[in-house]
Amino acid sequence: MELLDESNEGELLDGPVRPGTIRIILADSQAIYRVGIRKIFALEDDIRVVAQADSLDNLRSALERHPADGALRYDGTRRSSRAAAGCRSA
């Protein structure tokens, strides 16, 4: 499976990020969950989805490619918590 990053090279998934904006990577195997959460976050001025992933491996890749403040994975397994700990600030 490939990383579900719909952005162009260097462009964030949900538009430009202002200072103080929380950058999130969504991860879940269920596309309907990712779409729903992304739509909810789109209503917030201070949250931007910077990437999406459909597997743990793709989440790791997204963490390496996209500066993020957090990663949200629905199932909450310990493995996803360890991967999310790799988030970094830009």
Protein backbone atom coordinates (compact mmCIF):
# COMPACT_ATOMS: atom_id res chain seq x y z
CA MET A 1 0.00 0.00 0.00
CA GLU A 2 1.13 3.54 -0.58
CA LEU A 3 1.09 6.61 1.59
CA LEU A 4 -2.24 8.36 1.12
CA ASP A 5 -0.79 11.83 0.72
CA GLU A 6 -2.97 13.83 -1.65
CA SER A 7 -0.73 16.88 -1.63
CA ASN A 8 1.65 18.09 -4.31
CA GLU A 9 5.39 18.15 -3.62
CA GLY A 10 5.98 20.21 -0.47
CA GLU A 11 2.32 21.27 -0.19
CA LEU A 12 0.30 20.43 2.91
CA LEU A 13 -2.84 18.34 2.58
CA ASP A 14 -5.27 20.93 3.97
CA GLY A 15 -3.57 24.15 2.93
CA PRO A 16 -1.01 26.49 4.46
CA VAL A 17 -0.18 26.33 8.14
CA ARG A 18 -0.20 29.48 10.24
CA PRO A 19 2.00 29.83 13.33
CA GLY A 20 0.44 28.01 16.27
CA THR A 21 -1.48 25.58 14.04
CA ILE A 22 -1.53 21.95 15.15
CA ARG A 23 -0.30 19.64 12.37
CA ILE A 24 -1.87 16.16 12.40
CA ILE A 25 -1.25 12.93 10.51
CA LEU A 26 -4.32 10.67 10.28
CA ALA A 27 -3.76 6.93 10.21
CA ASP A 28 -6.31 4.16 9.89
CA SER A 29 -7.04 1.33 7.49
CA GLN A 30 -10.63 2.56 7.08
CA ALA A 31 -10.87 5.40 4.55
CA ILE A 32 -14.30 6.46 5.83
CA TYR A 33 -12.83 7.13 9.27
CA ARG A 34 -9.96 9.21 7.84
CA VAL A 35 -12.33 11.22 5.63
CA GLY A 36 -14.72 11.89 8.50
CA ILE A 37 -12.04 13.01 10.93
CA ARG A 38 -10.40 15.15 8.25
CA LYS A 39 -13.74 16.91 7.61
CA ILE A 40 -14.15 17.59 11.32
CA PHE A 41 -10.62 19.00 11.57
CA ALA A 42 -11.25 21.16 8.48
CA LEU A 43 -13.81 23.10 10.55
CA GLU A 44 -11.08 24.18 12.96
CA ASP A 45 -8.82 27.13 12.14
CA ASP A 46 -5.95 25.87 14.29
CA ILE A 47 -5.72 22.23 13.09
CA ARG A 48 -4.35 21.03 9.72
CA VAL A 49 -4.13 17.48 8.41
CA VAL A 50 -0.70 17.24 6.79
CA ALA A 51 -0.89 13.58 5.67
CA GLN A 52 -2.94 10.40 5.84
CA ALA A 53 -1.78 6.79 6.05
CA ASP A 54 -3.61 3.49 5.72
CA SER A 55 -1.08 1.30 7.57
CA LEU A 56 1.50 1.47 10.32
CA ASP A 57 4.36 1.35 7.80
CA ASN A 58 2.83 4.26 5.90
CA LEU A 59 2.39 6.14 9.16
CA ARG A 60 6.11 5.78 9.81
CA SER A 61 6.84 7.10 6.30
CA ALA A 62 4.47 10.03 6.83
CA LEU A 63 6.18 10.87 10.12
CA GLU A 64 9.51 11.01 8.30
CA ARG A 65 8.20 13.11 5.38
CA HIS A 66 5.85 15.57 7.07
CA PRO A 67 6.51 17.76 10.10
CA ALA A 68 3.66 17.00 12.50
CA ASP A 69 2.69 17.77 16.07
CA GLY A 70 0.72 14.56 16.43
CA ALA A 71 -0.60 11.45 14.76
CA LEU A 72 -4.11 10.12 15.26
CA ARG A 73 -4.69 6.40 14.81
CA TYR A 74 -8.13 5.09 15.70
CA ASP A 75 -7.34 1.62 17.04
CA GLY A 76 -5.00 2.96 19.73
CA THR A 77 -2.60 0.02 19.75
CA ARG A 78 0.73 0.31 21.54
CA ARG A 79 2.53 0.06 18.18
CA SER A 80 0.77 3.17 16.87
CA SER A 81 1.55 5.03 20.10
CA ARG A 82 5.26 4.30 19.63
CA ALA A 83 5.09 5.48 16.02
CA ALA A 84 3.31 8.67 17.02
CA ALA A 85 6.09 9.40 19.51
CA GLY A 86 8.27 10.08 16.46
CA CYS A 87 6.40 13.34 15.69
CA ARG A 88 8.59 16.38 15.50
CA SER A 89 8.29 20.14 15.20
CA ALA A 90 9.53 21.99 12.13
